[in-house]
């Protein structure tokens, strides 16, 4: 790979990280951070971030807008697939019954998987559709804020 491509990718990754952090999600970069965050009581939304177009154009905007709702998760966290590999693998170990998928969203309650919005439910849809899917899950599993 050329140096220009590496510089470009580093910029893309940095922007993707900043975007999701600015939306209020705590970035988890190590397996230990994932274990600590996902073992918390209450509901936790995990956004599995990536550099693909559907992450930037659909998933991250949906992650930002979905949480402005009467019912929302207690905790908002994110792991970055392809970047923080060990943290992502640790997070995926909680998503029993679901294949690896990025971007995607996992909703956990007391450390147990409740539901997933997988890549095939994100790619090809608009952010509003993904927001509606997430808020449908919030209705089922989350408390009013």
N, C-alpha and C. Protein backbone atom coordinates (compact mmCIF):
# COMPACT_ATOMS: atom_id res chain seq x y z
N UNK A 1 0.84 -1.18 0.00
CA UNK A 1 0.00 0.00 0.00
C UNK A 1 0.88 1.24 0.00
N UNK A 2 0.41 2.23 -0.67
CA UNK A 2 1.18 3.47 -0.72
C UNK A 2 0.98 4.26 0.56
N UNK A 3 1.94 5.15 0.81
CA UNK A 3 1.87 5.99 2.00
C UNK A 3 0.64 6.90 1.94
N UNK A 4 0.28 7.38 0.75
CA UNK A 4 -0.89 8.25 0.61
C UNK A 4 -2.16 7.52 1.03
N UNK A 5 -2.28 6.25 0.66
CA UNK A 5 -3.46 5.47 1.03
C UNK A 5 -3.52 5.31 2.55
N UNK A 6 -2.39 5.01 3.19
CA UNK A 6 -2.36 4.86 4.64
C UNK A 6 -2.76 6.15 5.35
N UNK A 7 -2.28 7.28 4.85
CA UNK A 7 -2.65 8.58 5.43
C UNK A 7 -4.15 8.80 5.26
N UNK A 8 -4.68 8.48 4.09
CA UNK A 8 -6.11 8.62 3.83
C UNK A 8 -6.92 7.75 4.78
N UNK A 9 -6.53 6.48 4.94
CA UNK A 9 -7.27 5.57 5.80
C UNK A 9 -7.20 6.01 7.27
N UNK A 10 -6.04 6.47 7.70
CA UNK A 10 -5.92 6.97 9.07
C UNK A 10 -6.88 8.13 9.31
N UNK A 11 -7.03 8.99 8.31
CA UNK A 11 -7.95 10.12 8.41
C UNK A 11 -9.39 9.64 8.46
N UNK A 12 -9.74 8.67 7.64
CA UNK A 12 -11.10 8.10 7.61
C UNK A 12 -11.43 7.49 8.98
N UNK A 13 -10.49 6.72 9.52
CA UNK A 13 -10.69 6.08 10.82
C UNK A 13 -10.85 7.13 11.91
N UNK A 14 -9.99 8.14 11.91
CA UNK A 14 -10.05 9.20 12.92
C UNK A 14 -11.41 9.91 12.88
N UNK A 15 -11.87 10.23 11.67
CA UNK A 15 -13.17 10.91 11.52
C UNK A 15 -14.31 10.02 12.00
N UNK A 16 -14.23 8.73 11.69
CA UNK A 16 -15.28 7.79 12.11
C UNK A 16 -15.32 7.68 13.64
N UNK A 17 -14.15 7.64 14.26
CA UNK A 17 -14.07 7.58 15.72
C UNK A 17 -14.65 8.85 16.34
N UNK A 18 -14.27 10.01 15.80
CA UNK A 18 -14.73 11.29 16.33
C UNK A 18 -16.25 11.42 16.21
N UNK A 19 -16.77 10.98 15.08
CA UNK A 19 -18.21 11.11 14.83
C UNK A 19 -19.03 10.35 15.87
N UNK A 20 -18.66 9.12 16.16
CA UNK A 20 -19.44 8.30 17.09
C UNK A 20 -19.20 8.76 18.53
N UNK A 21 -18.00 9.21 18.84
CA UNK A 21 -17.73 9.74 20.19
C UNK A 21 -18.52 11.01 20.43
N UNK A 22 -18.59 11.87 19.43
CA UNK A 22 -19.34 13.12 19.54
C UNK A 22 -20.83 12.87 19.76
N UNK A 23 -21.31 11.71 19.30
CA UNK A 23 -22.72 11.35 19.49
C UNK A 23 -23.00 10.84 20.90
N UNK A 24 -21.93 10.65 21.70
CA UNK A 24 -22.13 10.24 23.09
C UNK A 24 -21.79 8.80 23.40
N UNK A 25 -21.15 8.11 22.46
CA UNK A 25 -20.77 6.71 22.67
C UNK A 25 -19.35 6.63 23.22
N UNK A 26 -19.17 5.78 24.22
CA UNK A 26 -17.84 5.56 24.80
C UNK A 26 -17.10 4.55 23.94
N UNK A 27 -15.92 4.92 23.50
CA UNK A 27 -15.11 4.04 22.66
C UNK A 27 -14.36 3.03 23.52
N UNK A 28 -14.52 1.75 23.17
CA UNK A 28 -13.85 0.67 23.89
C UNK A 28 -12.76 0.11 22.98
N UNK A 29 -11.52 0.19 23.43
CA UNK A 29 -10.40 -0.19 22.56
C UNK A 29 -9.68 -1.46 23.01
N UNK A 30 -9.97 -1.93 24.22
CA UNK A 30 -9.30 -3.14 24.72
C UNK A 30 -10.33 -4.16 25.19
N UNK A 31 -9.95 -5.43 25.23
CA UNK A 31 -10.86 -6.45 25.76
C UNK A 31 -11.31 -6.14 27.19
N UNK A 32 -10.40 -5.59 27.99
CA UNK A 32 -10.72 -5.27 29.39
C UNK A 32 -11.80 -4.18 29.47
N UNK A 33 -11.68 -3.17 28.61
CA UNK A 33 -12.69 -2.11 28.58
C UNK A 33 -14.05 -2.68 28.17
N UNK A 34 -14.04 -3.61 27.21
CA UNK A 34 -15.29 -4.24 26.75
C UNK A 34 -15.92 -5.04 27.88
N UNK A 35 -15.12 -5.87 28.54
CA UNK A 35 -15.62 -6.70 29.65
C UNK A 35 -16.26 -5.83 30.73
N UNK A 36 -15.58 -4.76 31.09
CA UNK A 36 -16.09 -3.86 32.13
C UNK A 36 -17.41 -3.22 31.69
N UNK A 37 -17.45 -2.71 30.48
CA UNK A 37 -18.64 -2.00 29.99
C UNK A 37 -19.83 -2.93 29.80
N UNK A 38 -19.59 -4.12 29.26
CA UNK A 38 -20.71 -5.01 28.95
C UNK A 38 -21.19 -5.80 30.15
N UNK A 39 -20.47 -5.74 31.25
CA UNK A 39 -20.92 -6.43 32.46
C UNK A 39 -21.75 -5.52 33.36
N UNK A 40 -21.94 -4.27 32.95
CA UNK A 40 -22.73 -3.33 33.75
C UNK A 40 -24.20 -3.71 33.77
N UNK A 41 -24.85 -3.38 34.87
CA UNK A 41 -26.30 -3.59 34.98
C UNK A 41 -27.02 -2.59 34.07
N UNK A 42 -28.19 -2.98 33.62
CA UNK A 42 -28.98 -2.11 32.76
C UNK A 42 -28.80 -2.46 31.30
N UNK A 43 -29.27 -1.58 30.44
CA UNK A 43 -29.20 -1.81 29.00
C UNK A 43 -28.00 -1.09 28.41
N UNK A 44 -27.37 -1.76 27.46
CA UNK A 44 -26.19 -1.21 26.78
C UNK A 44 -26.36 -1.38 25.28
N UNK A 45 -26.22 -0.30 24.55
CA UNK A 45 -26.21 -0.36 23.09
C UNK A 45 -24.76 -0.33 22.64
N UNK A 46 -24.38 -1.36 21.87
CA UNK A 46 -23.03 -1.44 21.31
C UNK A 46 -23.14 -1.15 19.82
N UNK A 47 -22.45 -0.11 19.37
CA UNK A 47 -22.37 0.18 17.94
C UNK A 47 -21.05 -0.39 17.44
N UNK A 48 -21.14 -1.35 16.51
CA UNK A 48 -19.93 -1.92 15.91
C UNK A 48 -19.63 -1.05 14.69
N UNK A 49 -18.64 -0.21 14.84
CA UNK A 49 -18.27 0.78 13.84
C UNK A 49 -17.38 0.14 12.78
N UNK A 50 -17.33 0.75 11.60
CA UNK A 50 -16.42 0.31 10.55
C UNK A 50 -16.18 1.47 9.59
N UNK A 51 -15.27 1.24 8.63
CA UNK A 51 -14.94 2.31 7.68
C UNK A 51 -15.77 2.22 6.40
N UNK A 52 -16.66 1.25 6.29
CA UNK A 52 -17.42 1.11 5.05
C UNK A 52 -18.40 2.27 4.87
N UNK A 53 -18.86 2.44 3.66
CA UNK A 53 -19.77 3.53 3.34
C UNK A 53 -21.07 3.49 4.10
N UNK A 54 -21.62 2.29 4.34
CA UNK A 54 -22.90 2.22 5.05
C UNK A 54 -22.74 2.57 6.52
N UNK A 55 -21.53 2.46 7.06
CA UNK A 55 -21.30 2.91 8.43
C UNK A 55 -21.38 4.43 8.49
N UNK A 56 -20.67 5.10 7.58
CA UNK A 56 -20.64 6.55 7.58
C UNK A 56 -21.93 7.20 7.12
N UNK A 57 -22.56 6.59 6.13
CA UNK A 57 -23.76 7.21 5.56
C UNK A 57 -25.06 6.82 6.24
N UNK A 58 -25.06 5.69 6.97
CA UNK A 58 -26.30 5.19 7.55
C UNK A 58 -26.16 4.90 9.05
N UNK A 59 -25.21 4.02 9.42
CA UNK A 59 -25.15 3.53 10.79
C UNK A 59 -24.77 4.61 11.81
N UNK A 60 -23.71 5.37 11.55
CA UNK A 60 -23.32 6.40 12.53
C UNK A 60 -24.38 7.49 12.66
N UNK A 61 -24.96 7.98 11.54
CA UNK A 61 -26.06 8.95 11.72
C UNK A 61 -27.23 8.34 12.51
N UNK A 62 -27.56 7.08 12.24
CA UNK A 62 -28.64 6.42 12.98
C UNK A 62 -28.30 6.30 14.46
N UNK A 63 -27.04 5.97 14.75
CA UNK A 63 -26.60 5.85 16.15
C UNK A 63 -26.78 7.18 16.88
N UNK A 64 -26.51 8.25 16.18
CA UNK A 64 -26.62 9.58 16.77
C UNK A 64 -28.08 9.98 17.02
N UNK A 65 -28.95 9.73 16.05
CA UNK A 65 -30.35 10.18 16.16
C UNK A 65 -31.23 9.25 16.99
N UNK A 66 -30.97 7.96 16.99
CA UNK A 66 -31.84 7.00 17.66
C UNK A 66 -31.95 7.23 19.15
N UNK A 67 -30.90 7.77 19.75
CA UNK A 67 -30.88 7.92 21.20
C UNK A 67 -31.68 9.11 21.71
N UNK A 68 -32.18 9.93 20.80
CA UNK A 68 -33.04 11.05 21.18
C UNK A 68 -34.48 10.54 21.17
N UNK A 69 -34.81 9.82 22.25
CA UNK A 69 -36.07 9.08 22.31
C UNK A 69 -36.46 8.93 23.78
N UNK A 70 -37.74 8.73 24.05
CA UNK A 70 -38.22 8.61 25.44
C UNK A 70 -37.59 7.43 26.17
N UNK A 71 -37.42 6.33 25.47
CA UNK A 71 -36.76 5.16 26.04
C UNK A 71 -35.44 4.99 25.32
N UNK A 72 -34.37 4.83 26.11
CA UNK A 72 -33.06 4.67 25.50
C UNK A 72 -32.18 3.83 26.42
N UNK A 73 -31.12 3.25 25.86
CA UNK A 73 -30.22 2.44 26.68
C UNK A 73 -29.55 3.26 27.78
N UNK A 74 -29.21 2.56 28.87
CA UNK A 74 -28.50 3.20 29.98
C UNK A 74 -27.07 3.55 29.59
N UNK A 75 -26.46 2.71 28.74
CA UNK A 75 -25.06 2.87 28.38
C UNK A 75 -24.91 2.81 26.85
N UNK A 76 -24.06 3.67 26.32
CA UNK A 76 -23.78 3.72 24.88
C UNK A 76 -22.28 3.49 24.69
N UNK A 77 -21.93 2.43 23.96
CA UNK A 77 -20.52 2.12 23.74
C UNK A 77 -20.31 1.75 22.27
N UNK A 78 -19.05 1.77 21.86
CA UNK A 78 -18.71 1.40 20.49
C UNK A 78 -17.37 0.68 20.44
N UNK A 79 -17.28 -0.28 19.52
CA UNK A 79 -16.01 -0.93 19.18
C UNK A 79 -15.82 -0.73 17.69
N UNK A 80 -14.56 -0.75 17.24
CA UNK A 80 -14.26 -0.46 15.85
C UNK A 80 -13.73 -1.71 15.17
N UNK A 81 -14.58 -2.34 14.36
CA UNK A 81 -14.19 -3.54 13.62
C UNK A 81 -13.06 -3.21 12.65
N UNK A 82 -12.07 -4.10 12.58
CA UNK A 82 -10.96 -3.90 11.68
C UNK A 82 -9.88 -2.98 12.24
N UNK A 83 -10.15 -2.33 13.34
CA UNK A 83 -9.18 -1.42 13.95
C UNK A 83 -8.76 -1.93 15.34
N UNK A 84 -9.75 -2.08 16.20
CA UNK A 84 -9.50 -2.58 17.56
C UNK A 84 -9.99 -4.03 17.59
N UNK A 85 -9.21 -4.89 16.96
CA UNK A 85 -9.64 -6.27 16.69
C UNK A 85 -9.96 -7.07 17.95
N UNK A 86 -9.10 -7.00 18.96
CA UNK A 86 -9.33 -7.78 20.18
C UNK A 86 -10.56 -7.29 20.93
N UNK A 87 -10.75 -5.99 20.98
CA UNK A 87 -11.94 -5.43 21.64
C UNK A 87 -13.20 -5.86 20.89
N UNK A 88 -13.14 -5.82 19.57
CA UNK A 88 -14.30 -6.21 18.76
C UNK A 88 -14.61 -7.69 18.96
N UNK A 89 -13.59 -8.54 18.97
CA UNK A 89 -13.79 -9.98 19.20
C UNK A 89 -14.43 -10.23 20.56
N UNK A 90 -13.96 -9.51 21.57
CA UNK A 90 -14.52 -9.68 22.92
C UNK A 90 -15.98 -9.26 22.93
N UNK A 91 -16.30 -8.13 22.30
CA UNK A 91 -17.69 -7.69 22.24
C UNK A 91 -18.55 -8.73 21.51
N UNK A 92 -18.05 -9.23 20.40
CA UNK A 92 -18.83 -10.22 19.63
C UNK A 92 -19.07 -11.51 20.40
N UNK A 93 -18.22 -11.81 21.38
CA UNK A 93 -18.42 -13.01 22.18
C UNK A 93 -19.70 -12.90 23.02
N UNK A 94 -20.22 -11.70 23.21
CA UNK A 94 -21.48 -11.49 23.92
C UNK A 94 -22.70 -11.65 23.01
N UNK A 95 -22.48 -11.63 21.71
CA UNK A 95 -23.60 -11.62 20.75
C UNK A 95 -23.96 -13.04 20.31
N UNK A 96 -24.23 -13.87 21.27
CA UNK A 96 -24.53 -15.28 21.04
C UNK A 96 -25.64 -15.45 20.01
N UNK A 97 -25.38 -16.31 19.02
CA UNK A 97 -26.38 -16.61 18.00
C UNK A 97 -26.36 -15.68 16.80
N UNK A 98 -25.49 -14.70 16.82
CA UNK A 98 -25.40 -13.75 15.71
C UNK A 98 -24.01 -13.82 15.09
N UNK A 99 -23.94 -13.89 13.74
CA UNK A 99 -22.62 -13.90 13.09
C UNK A 99 -21.97 -12.51 13.15
N UNK A 100 -20.64 -12.44 13.02
CA UNK A 100 -19.97 -11.13 12.99
C UNK A 100 -20.55 -10.27 11.86
N UNK A 101 -20.78 -9.02 12.16
CA UNK A 101 -21.42 -8.12 11.21
C UNK A 101 -20.98 -6.70 11.56
N UNK A 102 -20.52 -5.96 10.54
CA UNK A 102 -20.19 -4.56 10.79
C UNK A 102 -20.47 -3.75 9.53
N UNK A 103 -21.08 -2.59 9.73
CA UNK A 103 -21.53 -2.07 11.00
C UNK A 103 -22.75 -2.84 11.50
N UNK A 104 -22.99 -2.73 12.78
CA UNK A 104 -24.18 -3.33 13.38
C UNK A 104 -24.38 -2.74 14.76
N UNK A 105 -25.50 -3.10 15.37
CA UNK A 105 -25.83 -2.65 16.72
C UNK A 105 -26.27 -3.86 17.53
N UNK A 106 -25.80 -3.95 18.75
CA UNK A 106 -26.22 -4.99 19.67
C UNK A 106 -26.82 -4.32 20.90
N UNK A 107 -27.98 -4.79 21.32
CA UNK A 107 -28.59 -4.28 22.55
C UNK A 107 -28.51 -5.39 23.59
N UNK A 108 -27.85 -5.07 24.70
CA UNK A 108 -27.69 -6.03 25.79
C UNK A 108 -28.40 -5.51 27.04
N UNK A 109 -28.87 -6.45 27.85
CA UNK A 109 -29.43 -6.11 29.15
C UNK A 109 -28.74 -6.96 30.18
N UNK A 110 -28.12 -6.32 31.15
CA UNK A 110 -27.36 -7.01 32.20
C UNK A 110 -26.34 -7.99 31.59
N UNK A 111 -25.69 -7.56 30.50
CA UNK A 111 -24.65 -8.36 29.87
C UNK A 111 -25.13 -9.46 28.95
N UNK A 112 -26.44 -9.58 28.74
CA UNK A 112 -27.00 -10.62 27.87
C UNK A 112 -27.60 -9.98 26.63
N UNK A 113 -27.35 -10.63 25.48
CA UNK A 113 -27.86 -10.10 24.21
C UNK A 113 -29.39 -10.13 24.17
N UNK A 114 -30.00 -9.03 23.80
CA UNK A 114 -31.45 -8.94 23.61
C UNK A 114 -31.79 -8.97 22.13
N UNK A 115 -31.05 -8.17 21.35
CA UNK A 115 -31.34 -8.08 19.92
C UNK A 115 -30.15 -7.47 19.19
N UNK A 116 -30.18 -7.65 17.87
CA UNK A 116 -29.15 -7.07 17.00
C UNK A 116 -29.83 -6.41 15.81
N UNK A 117 -29.23 -5.35 15.35
CA UNK A 117 -29.54 -4.78 14.04
C UNK A 117 -28.26 -5.02 13.24
N UNK A 118 -28.34 -5.97 12.32
CA UNK A 118 -27.17 -6.43 11.59
C UNK A 118 -26.95 -5.63 10.31
N UNK A 119 -25.77 -5.82 9.72
CA UNK A 119 -25.42 -5.08 8.51
C UNK A 119 -26.48 -5.20 7.42
N UNK A 120 -27.04 -6.39 7.25
CA UNK A 120 -28.05 -6.56 6.18
C UNK A 120 -29.33 -5.78 6.48
N UNK A 121 -29.49 -5.31 7.73
CA UNK A 121 -30.63 -4.46 8.08
C UNK A 121 -30.26 -2.98 8.05
N UNK A 122 -29.02 -2.70 7.69
CA UNK A 122 -28.51 -1.32 7.61
C UNK A 122 -28.19 -0.96 6.16
N UNK A 123 -27.36 -1.79 5.53
CA UNK A 123 -26.90 -1.53 4.16
C UNK A 123 -28.09 -1.48 3.21
N UNK A 124 -28.18 -0.42 2.43
CA UNK A 124 -29.27 -0.27 1.46
C UNK A 124 -30.50 0.42 2.03
N UNK A 125 -30.49 0.72 3.31
CA UNK A 125 -31.60 1.44 3.94
C UNK A 125 -31.16 2.87 4.23
N UNK A 126 -32.12 3.72 4.58
CA UNK A 126 -31.75 5.08 4.96
C UNK A 126 -31.63 5.16 6.48
N UNK A 127 -30.94 6.19 6.98
CA UNK A 127 -30.76 6.31 8.43
C UNK A 127 -32.08 6.28 9.21
N UNK A 128 -33.14 6.90 8.67
CA UNK A 128 -34.42 6.95 9.39
C UNK A 128 -34.99 5.55 9.61
N UNK A 129 -34.81 4.65 8.66
CA UNK A 129 -35.28 3.27 8.80
C UNK A 129 -34.52 2.57 9.91
N UNK A 130 -33.21 2.78 9.98
CA UNK A 130 -32.39 2.16 11.02
C UNK A 130 -32.72 2.76 12.38
N UNK A 131 -32.95 4.06 12.44
CA UNK A 131 -33.38 4.72 13.68
C UNK A 131 -34.66 4.05 14.18
N UNK A 132 -35.62 3.86 13.29
CA UNK A 132 -36.90 3.24 13.67
C UNK A 132 -36.69 1.82 14.20
N UNK A 133 -35.79 1.04 13.57
CA UNK A 133 -35.49 -0.32 14.05
C UNK A 133 -34.90 -0.27 15.44
N UNK A 134 -33.95 0.63 15.66
CA UNK A 134 -33.32 0.75 16.98
C UNK A 134 -34.34 1.17 18.03
N UNK A 135 -35.15 2.15 17.71
CA UNK A 135 -36.13 2.64 18.69
C UNK A 135 -37.19 1.59 19.00
N UNK A 136 -37.50 0.73 18.04
CA UNK A 136 -38.40 -0.40 18.28
C UNK A 136 -37.81 -1.31 19.35
N UNK A 137 -36.51 -1.54 19.29
CA UNK A 137 -35.84 -2.37 20.29
C UNK A 137 -35.77 -1.65 21.63
N UNK A 138 -35.56 -0.34 21.61
CA UNK A 138 -35.54 0.44 22.85
C UNK A 138 -36.89 0.33 23.55
N UNK A 139 -37.97 0.36 22.77
CA UNK A 139 -39.33 0.24 23.31
C UNK A 139 -39.47 -1.06 24.11
N UNK A 140 -38.92 -2.14 23.57
CA UNK A 140 -39.05 -3.46 24.20
C UNK A 140 -38.19 -3.61 25.46
N UNK A 141 -36.97 -3.07 25.43
CA UNK A 141 -36.00 -3.42 26.46
C UNK A 141 -35.52 -2.29 27.37
N UNK A 142 -35.79 -1.05 27.01
CA UNK A 142 -35.21 0.07 27.76
C UNK A 142 -36.27 0.78 28.60
N UNK A 143 -35.79 1.48 29.61
CA UNK A 143 -36.64 2.27 30.50
C UNK A 143 -36.76 3.70 29.96
N UNK A 144 -37.83 4.39 30.41
CA UNK A 144 -37.95 5.79 30.04
C UNK A 144 -36.89 6.61 30.73
N UNK A 145 -36.39 7.59 29.99
CA UNK A 145 -35.33 8.46 30.53
C UNK A 145 -35.96 9.53 31.40
